[in-house]
Amino acid sequence: MATDPLNITSDARNTLLVVTALIVAVTFQAALNPPGGVWQDDKYDPEQNCTVVPANLNNCTRVAQAGTSVLHLRSVVRYETFIFVNTLAFSATTSTILFLLLGSGTPFRTETIISIYCMNFAYAASVGAVQPQTPTTWAILLSALLSPYIFRFPSLIIERRRVAREQDVPQGPPVFQRGAC
């Protein structure tokens, strides 16, 4: 297997695509069903005697909302760690898929880019549906989702400049043949 990502063999590329597709599927599913599951119904503060949903919720404090992560209520640190690591794995694998599929001459290049970015947005929307709506959880989600793309960008620029320099640099002095004149 080649170590240079620009000269990766077809077999290695196919293997990486299978592995990354599996990781994307697992991390997307884990985001929709976080550890501990989601609350099946709204949970109110037991000290306020709100076991039945009252018509007027002004005097009741909702502790948990139906459809949100149980883990977040049990341990905010564990939930935020899970979301960060899971989202980072998801984003790194979608970034890898994008990198592997977008070589020169790839058919449906635009469609591939659109589908990868739409999958990232669908992931963020799905996680946003099951996570509590706090600025901290959104910051964690977005930083993990964008990190692989942000860190890949400088390395792509450096690699493209290196390749351009190698193509522009002559390979030595011109060779003259005797008697050619």
C-alpha atoms as a PDB file:
ATOM      1  CA  MET A   1       0.000   0.000   0.000  1.00  0.00           C
ATOM      2  CA  ALA A   2       1.313   3.413  -0.922  1.00  0.00           C
ATOM      3  CA  THR A   3       1.975   5.917   1.824  1.00  0.00           C
ATOM      4  CA  ASP A   4       1.450   9.001  -0.341  1.00  0.00           C
ATOM      5  CA  PRO A   5      -2.291   9.754  -0.379  1.00  0.00           C
ATOM      6  CA  LEU A   6      -2.057  11.079  -3.924  1.00  0.00           C
ATOM      7  CA  ASN A   7      -0.666   7.757  -5.196  1.00  0.00           C
ATOM      8  CA  ILE A   8      -2.896   5.405  -3.208  1.00  0.00           C
ATOM      9  CA  THR A   9      -3.624   2.069  -4.851  1.00  0.00           C
ATOM     10  CA  SER A  10      -7.111   1.196  -6.030  1.00  0.00           C
ATOM     11  CA  ASP A  11      -7.388  -1.702  -3.554  1.00  0.00           C
ATOM     12  CA  ALA A  12      -6.335   0.496  -0.641  1.00  0.00           C
ATOM     13  CA  ARG A  13      -8.774   3.206  -1.729  1.00  0.00           C
ATOM     14  CA  ASN A  14     -11.642   0.700  -1.922  1.00  0.00           C
ATOM     15  CA  THR A  15     -10.788  -0.752   1.489  1.00  0.00           C
ATOM     16  CA  LEU A  16     -10.669   2.709   3.042  1.00  0.00           C
ATOM     17  CA  LEU A  17     -14.011   3.604   1.461  1.00  0.00           C
ATOM     18  CA  VAL A  18     -15.660   0.496   2.928  1.00  0.00           C
ATOM     19  CA  VAL A  19     -14.216   1.150   6.397  1.00  0.00           C
ATOM     20  CA  THR A  20     -15.143   4.842   6.347  1.00  0.00           C
ATOM     21  CA  ALA A  21     -18.681   4.060   5.143  1.00  0.00           C
ATOM     22  CA  LEU A  22     -19.112   1.699   8.094  1.00  0.00           C
ATOM     23  CA  ILE A  23     -17.803   4.307  10.534  1.00  0.00           C
ATOM     24  CA  VAL A  24     -20.151   6.947   9.084  1.00  0.00           C
ATOM     25  CA  ALA A  25     -23.135   4.599   9.502  1.00  0.00           C
ATOM     26  CA  VAL A  26     -22.236   3.664  13.087  1.00  0.00           C
ATOM     27  CA  THR A  27     -21.549   7.231  14.224  1.00  0.00           C
ATOM     28  CA  PHE A  28     -24.718   8.573  12.585  1.00  0.00           C
ATOM     29  CA  GLN A  29     -26.778   5.874  14.308  1.00  0.00           C
ATOM     30  CA  ALA A  30     -25.078   6.543  17.649  1.00  0.00           C
ATOM     31  CA  ALA A  31     -25.934  10.225  17.331  1.00  0.00           C
ATOM     32  CA  LEU A  32     -29.614   9.428  16.795  1.00  0.00           C
ATOM     33  CA  ASN A  33     -29.669   6.932  19.676  1.00  0.00           C
ATOM     34  CA  PRO A  34     -27.210   8.306  22.247  1.00  0.00           C
ATOM     35  CA  PRO A  35     -26.118   6.133  25.170  1.00  0.00           C
ATOM     36  CA  GLY A  36     -28.997   5.855  27.624  1.00  0.00           C
ATOM     37  CA  GLY A  37     -31.524   6.620  24.904  1.00  0.00           C
ATOM     38  CA  VAL A  38     -33.865   9.590  24.781  1.00  0.00           C
ATOM     39  CA  TRP A  39     -36.699  10.628  27.071  1.00  0.00           C
ATOM     40  CA  GLN A  40     -39.987   9.097  25.933  1.00  0.00           C
ATOM     41  CA  ASP A  41     -42.093  11.812  27.556  1.00  0.00           C
ATOM     42  CA  ASP A  42     -41.618  15.120  29.329  1.00  0.00           C
ATOM     43  CA  LYS A  43     -40.327  14.840  32.876  1.00  0.00           C
ATOM     44  CA  TYR A  44     -41.361  17.443  35.446  1.00  0.00           C
ATOM     45  CA  ASP A  45     -39.918  18.321  38.824  1.00  0.00           C
ATOM     46  CA  PRO A  46     -41.391  15.787  41.296  1.00  0.00           C
ATOM     47  CA  GLU A  47     -41.382  18.308  44.123  1.00  0.00           C
ATOM     48  CA  GLN A  48     -43.942  20.445  42.272  1.00  0.00           C
ATOM     49  CA  ASN A  49     -46.464  17.572  42.014  1.00  0.00           C
ATOM     50  CA  CYS A  50     -46.727  17.731  38.215  1.00  0.00           C
ATOM     51  CA  THR A  51     -47.066  14.038  37.440  1.00  0.00           C
ATOM     52  CA  VAL A  52     -49.955  14.668  35.036  1.00  0.00           C
ATOM     53  CA  VAL A  53     -49.377  17.235  32.338  1.00  0.00           C
ATOM     54  CA  PRO A  54     -51.348  20.238  33.551  1.00  0.00           C
ATOM     55  CA  ALA A  55     -53.186  22.632  31.261  1.00  0.00           C
ATOM     56  CA  ASN A  56     -51.114  25.504  32.621  1.00  0.00           C
ATOM     57  CA  LEU A  57     -47.375  24.704  32.702  1.00  0.00           C
ATOM     58  CA  ASN A  58     -46.383  28.021  34.309  1.00  0.00           C
ATOM     59  CA  ASN A  59     -46.200  26.489  37.784  1.00  0.00           C
ATOM     60  CA  CYS A  60     -44.278  23.349  36.703  1.00  0.00           C
ATOM     61  CA  THR A  61     -40.587  23.025  35.924  1.00  0.00           C
ATOM     62  CA  ARG A  62     -39.797  20.656  33.080  1.00  0.00           C
ATOM     63  CA  VAL A  63     -36.673  18.669  33.968  1.00  0.00           C
ATOM     64  CA  ALA A  64     -36.419  16.781  30.672  1.00  0.00           C
ATOM     65  CA  GLN A  65     -38.102  17.134  27.305  1.00  0.00           C
ATOM     66  CA  ALA A  66     -39.353  14.159  25.316  1.00  0.00           C
ATOM     67  CA  GLY A  67     -36.899  13.174  22.576  1.00  0.00           C
ATOM     68  CA  THR A  68     -33.802  14.611  24.253  1.00  0.00           C
ATOM     69  CA  SER A  69     -30.833  12.640  25.527  1.00  0.00           C
ATOM     70  CA  VAL A  70     -31.135  10.909  28.880  1.00  0.00           C
ATOM     71  CA  LEU A  71     -27.343  10.938  29.244  1.00  0.00           C
ATOM     72  CA  HIS A  72     -27.257  14.744  29.186  1.00  0.00           C
ATOM     73  CA  LEU A  73     -29.466  14.939  32.286  1.00  0.00           C
ATOM     74  CA  ARG A  74     -27.468  12.227  34.059  1.00  0.00           C
ATOM     75  CA  SER A  75     -23.983  13.540  33.227  1.00  0.00           C
ATOM     76  CA  VAL A  76     -23.389  16.639  31.139  1.00  0.00           C
ATOM     77  CA  VAL A  77     -19.640  15.989  30.889  1.00  0.00           C
ATOM     78  CA  ARG A  78     -20.134  12.429  29.611  1.00  0.00           C
ATOM     79  CA  TYR A  79     -22.741  13.577  27.100  1.00  0.00           C
ATOM     80  CA  GLU A  80     -20.564  16.399  25.785  1.00  0.00           C
ATOM     81  CA  THR A  81     -17.568  14.054  25.566  1.00  0.00           C
ATOM     82  CA  PHE A  82     -19.666  11.509  23.664  1.00  0.00           C
ATOM     83  CA  ILE A  83     -21.018  14.131  21.254  1.00  0.00           C
ATOM     84  CA  PHE A  84     -17.562  15.585  20.613  1.00  0.00           C
ATOM     85  CA  VAL A  85     -15.849  12.235  19.987  1.00  0.00           C
ATOM     86  CA  ASN A  86     -18.727  10.786  17.952  1.00  0.00           C
ATOM     87  CA  THR A  87     -19.046  13.928  15.830  1.00  0.00           C
ATOM     88  CA  LEU A  88     -15.298  14.107  15.301  1.00  0.00           C
ATOM     89  CA  ALA A  89     -15.272  10.487  14.107  1.00  0.00           C
ATOM     90  CA  PHE A  90     -18.221  11.160  11.789  1.00  0.00           C
ATOM     91  CA  SER A  91     -16.684  14.299  10.351  1.00  0.00           C
ATOM     92  CA  ALA A  92     -13.215  12.781   9.947  1.00  0.00           C
ATOM     93  CA  THR A  93     -14.642   9.855   8.004  1.00  0.00           C
ATOM     94  CA  THR A  94     -16.797  12.041   5.744  1.00  0.00           C
ATOM     95  CA  SER A  95     -13.706  14.165   5.150  1.00  0.00           C
ATOM     96  CA  THR A  96     -11.753  11.018   4.284  1.00  0.00           C
ATOM     97  CA  ILE A  97     -14.463   9.871   1.880  1.00  0.00           C
ATOM     98  CA  LEU A  98     -14.408  13.278   0.234  1.00  0.00           C
ATOM     99  CA  PHE A  99     -10.628  13.157  -0.074  1.00  0.00           C
ATOM    100  CA  LEU A 100     -10.629   9.621  -1.506  1.00  0.00           C
ATOM    101  CA  LEU A 101     -13.388  10.241  -4.032  1.00  0.00           C
ATOM    102  CA  LEU A 102     -12.384  13.642  -5.330  1.00  0.00           C
ATOM    103  CA  GLY A 103      -9.259  12.840  -7.248  1.00  0.00           C
ATOM    104  CA  SER A 104      -8.822  14.248 -10.686  1.00  0.00           C
ATOM    105  CA  GLY A 105     -11.185  12.827 -13.254  1.00  0.00           C
ATOM    106  CA  THR A 106     -13.768  11.673 -10.709  1.00  0.00           C
ATOM    107  CA  PRO A 107     -17.203  11.455 -12.310  1.00  0.00           C
ATOM    108  CA  PHE A 108     -20.042  13.227 -10.502  1.00  0.00           C
ATOM    109  CA  ARG A 109     -17.605  15.386  -8.544  1.00  0.00           C
ATOM    110  CA  THR A 110     -20.155  18.128  -7.801  1.00  0.00           C
ATOM    111  CA  GLU A 111     -22.819  15.634  -6.763  1.00  0.00           C
ATOM    112  CA  THR A 112     -20.367  13.899  -4.428  1.00  0.00           C
ATOM    113  CA  ILE A 113     -19.431  17.168  -2.734  1.00  0.00           C
ATOM    114  CA  ILE A 114     -23.088  18.135  -2.335  1.00  0.00           C
ATOM    115  CA  SER A 115     -24.030  14.752  -0.876  1.00  0.00           C
ATOM    116  CA  ILE A 116     -21.152  14.746   1.630  1.00  0.00           C
ATOM    117  CA  TYR A 117     -21.975  18.245   2.868  1.00  0.00           C
ATOM    118  CA  CYS A 118     -25.700  17.464   3.016  1.00  0.00           C
ATOM    119  CA  MET A 119     -24.905  14.360   5.068  1.00  0.00           C
ATOM    120  CA  ASN A 120     -22.917  16.551   7.492  1.00  0.00           C
ATOM    121  CA  PHE A 121     -25.832  18.981   7.780  1.00  0.00           C
ATOM    122  CA  ALA A 122     -28.276  16.090   8.292  1.00  0.00           C
ATOM    123  CA  TYR A 123     -26.021  14.780  11.057  1.00  0.00           C
ATOM    124  CA  ALA A 124     -25.973  18.198  12.763  1.00  0.00           C
ATOM    125  CA  ALA A 125     -29.760  18.489  12.453  1.00  0.00           C
ATOM    126  CA  SER A 126     -30.248  14.986  13.864  1.00  0.00           C
ATOM    127  CA  VAL A 127     -27.966  15.604  16.808  1.00  0.00           C
ATOM    128  CA  GLY A 128     -29.628  18.985  17.305  1.00  0.00           C
ATOM    129  CA  ALA A 129     -32.980  17.223  17.604  1.00  0.00           C
ATOM    130  CA  VAL A 130     -31.870  14.953  20.464  1.00  0.00           C
ATOM    131  CA  GLN A 131     -29.494  17.240  22.330  1.00  0.00           C
ATOM    132  CA  PRO A 132     -30.550  19.923  24.777  1.00  0.00           C
ATOM    133  CA  GLN A 133     -30.498  23.315  23.097  1.00  0.00           C
ATOM    134  CA  THR A 134     -27.596  24.976  24.889  1.00  0.00           C
ATOM    135  CA  PRO A 135     -24.840  27.120  23.385  1.00  0.00           C
ATOM    136  CA  THR A 136     -22.195  24.782  24.819  1.00  0.00           C
ATOM    137  CA  THR A 137     -23.553  21.654  23.146  1.00  0.00           C
ATOM    138  CA  TRP A 138     -23.880  23.480  19.826  1.00  0.00           C
ATOM    139  CA  ALA A 139     -20.325  24.823  20.100  1.00  0.00           C
ATOM    140  CA  ILE A 140     -19.013  21.325  20.825  1.00  0.00           C
ATOM    141  CA  LEU A 141     -20.972  19.853  17.920  1.00  0.00           C
ATOM    142  CA  LEU A 142     -19.892  22.474  15.388  1.00  0.00           C
ATOM    143  CA  SER A 143     -16.238  22.495  16.439  1.00  0.00           C
ATOM    144  CA  ALA A 144     -16.018  18.715  16.127  1.00  0.00           C
ATOM    145  CA  LEU A 145     -17.895  18.744  12.815  1.00  0.00           C
ATOM    146  CA  LEU A 146     -15.646  21.383  11.226  1.00  0.00           C
ATOM    147  CA  SER A 147     -12.267  20.365  12.699  1.00  0.00           C
ATOM    148  CA  PRO A 148     -11.246  17.731  10.116  1.00  0.00           C
ATOM    149  CA  TYR A 149     -12.087  20.068   7.245  1.00  0.00           C
ATOM    150  CA  ILE A 150     -10.272  23.014   8.839  1.00  0.00           C
ATOM    151  CA  PHE A 151      -7.158  20.952   9.596  1.00  0.00           C
ATOM    152  CA  ARG A 152      -7.153  19.373   6.119  1.00  0.00           C
ATOM    153  CA  PHE A 153      -7.271  22.738   4.329  1.00  0.00           C
ATOM    154  CA  PRO A 154      -3.696  23.948   5.111  1.00  0.00           C
ATOM    155  CA  SER A 155      -2.226  20.545   4.245  1.00  0.00           C
ATOM    156  CA  LEU A 156      -4.019  20.585   0.876  1.00  0.00           C
ATOM    157  CA  ILE A 157      -2.637  24.044   0.104  1.00  0.00           C
ATOM    158  CA  ILE A 158       0.893  22.972   1.044  1.00  0.00           C
ATOM    159  CA  GLU A 159       0.627  19.790  -1.040  1.00  0.00           C
ATOM    160  CA  ARG A 160      -0.693  21.647  -4.093  1.00  0.00           C
ATOM    161  CA  ARG A 161       2.120  24.198  -3.850  1.00  0.00           C
ATOM    162  CA  ARG A 162       4.697  21.409  -3.535  1.00  0.00           C
ATOM    163  CA  VAL A 163       3.351  19.641  -6.623  1.00  0.00           C
ATOM    164  CA  ALA A 164       3.231  22.917  -8.562  1.00  0.00           C
ATOM    165  CA  ARG A 165       6.840  23.698  -7.599  1.00  0.00           C
ATOM    166  CA  GLU A 166       7.996  20.253  -8.703  1.00  0.00           C
ATOM    167  CA  GLN A 167       6.300  20.691 -12.066  1.00  0.00           C
ATOM    168  CA  ASP A 168       7.783  24.179 -12.618  1.00  0.00           C
ATOM    169  CA  VAL A 169      11.374  23.339 -11.635  1.00  0.00           C
ATOM    170  CA  PRO A 170      13.514  22.129 -14.529  1.00  0.00           C
ATOM    171  CA  GLN A 171      15.114  18.754 -13.940  1.00  0.00           C
ATOM    172  CA  GLY A 172      18.655  19.968 -14.589  1.00  0.00           C
ATOM    173  CA  PRO A 173      20.606  21.750 -17.287  1.00  0.00           C
ATOM    174  CA  PRO A 174      19.511  21.185 -20.866  1.00  0.00           C
ATOM    175  CA  VAL A 175      21.284  18.331 -22.564  1.00  0.00           C
ATOM    176  CA  PHE A 176      23.015  19.168 -25.838  1.00  0.00           C
ATOM    177  CA  GLN A 177      23.994  16.519 -28.288  1.00  0.00           C
ATOM    178  CA  ARG A 178      27.212  16.814 -30.254  1.00  0.00           C
ATOM    179  CA  GLY A 179      26.840  17.171 -33.923  1.00  0.00           C
ATOM    180  CA  ALA A 180      23.204  18.226 -33.733  1.00  0.00           C
ATOM    181  CA  CYS A 181      24.069  21.530 -35.428  1.00  0.00           C
END
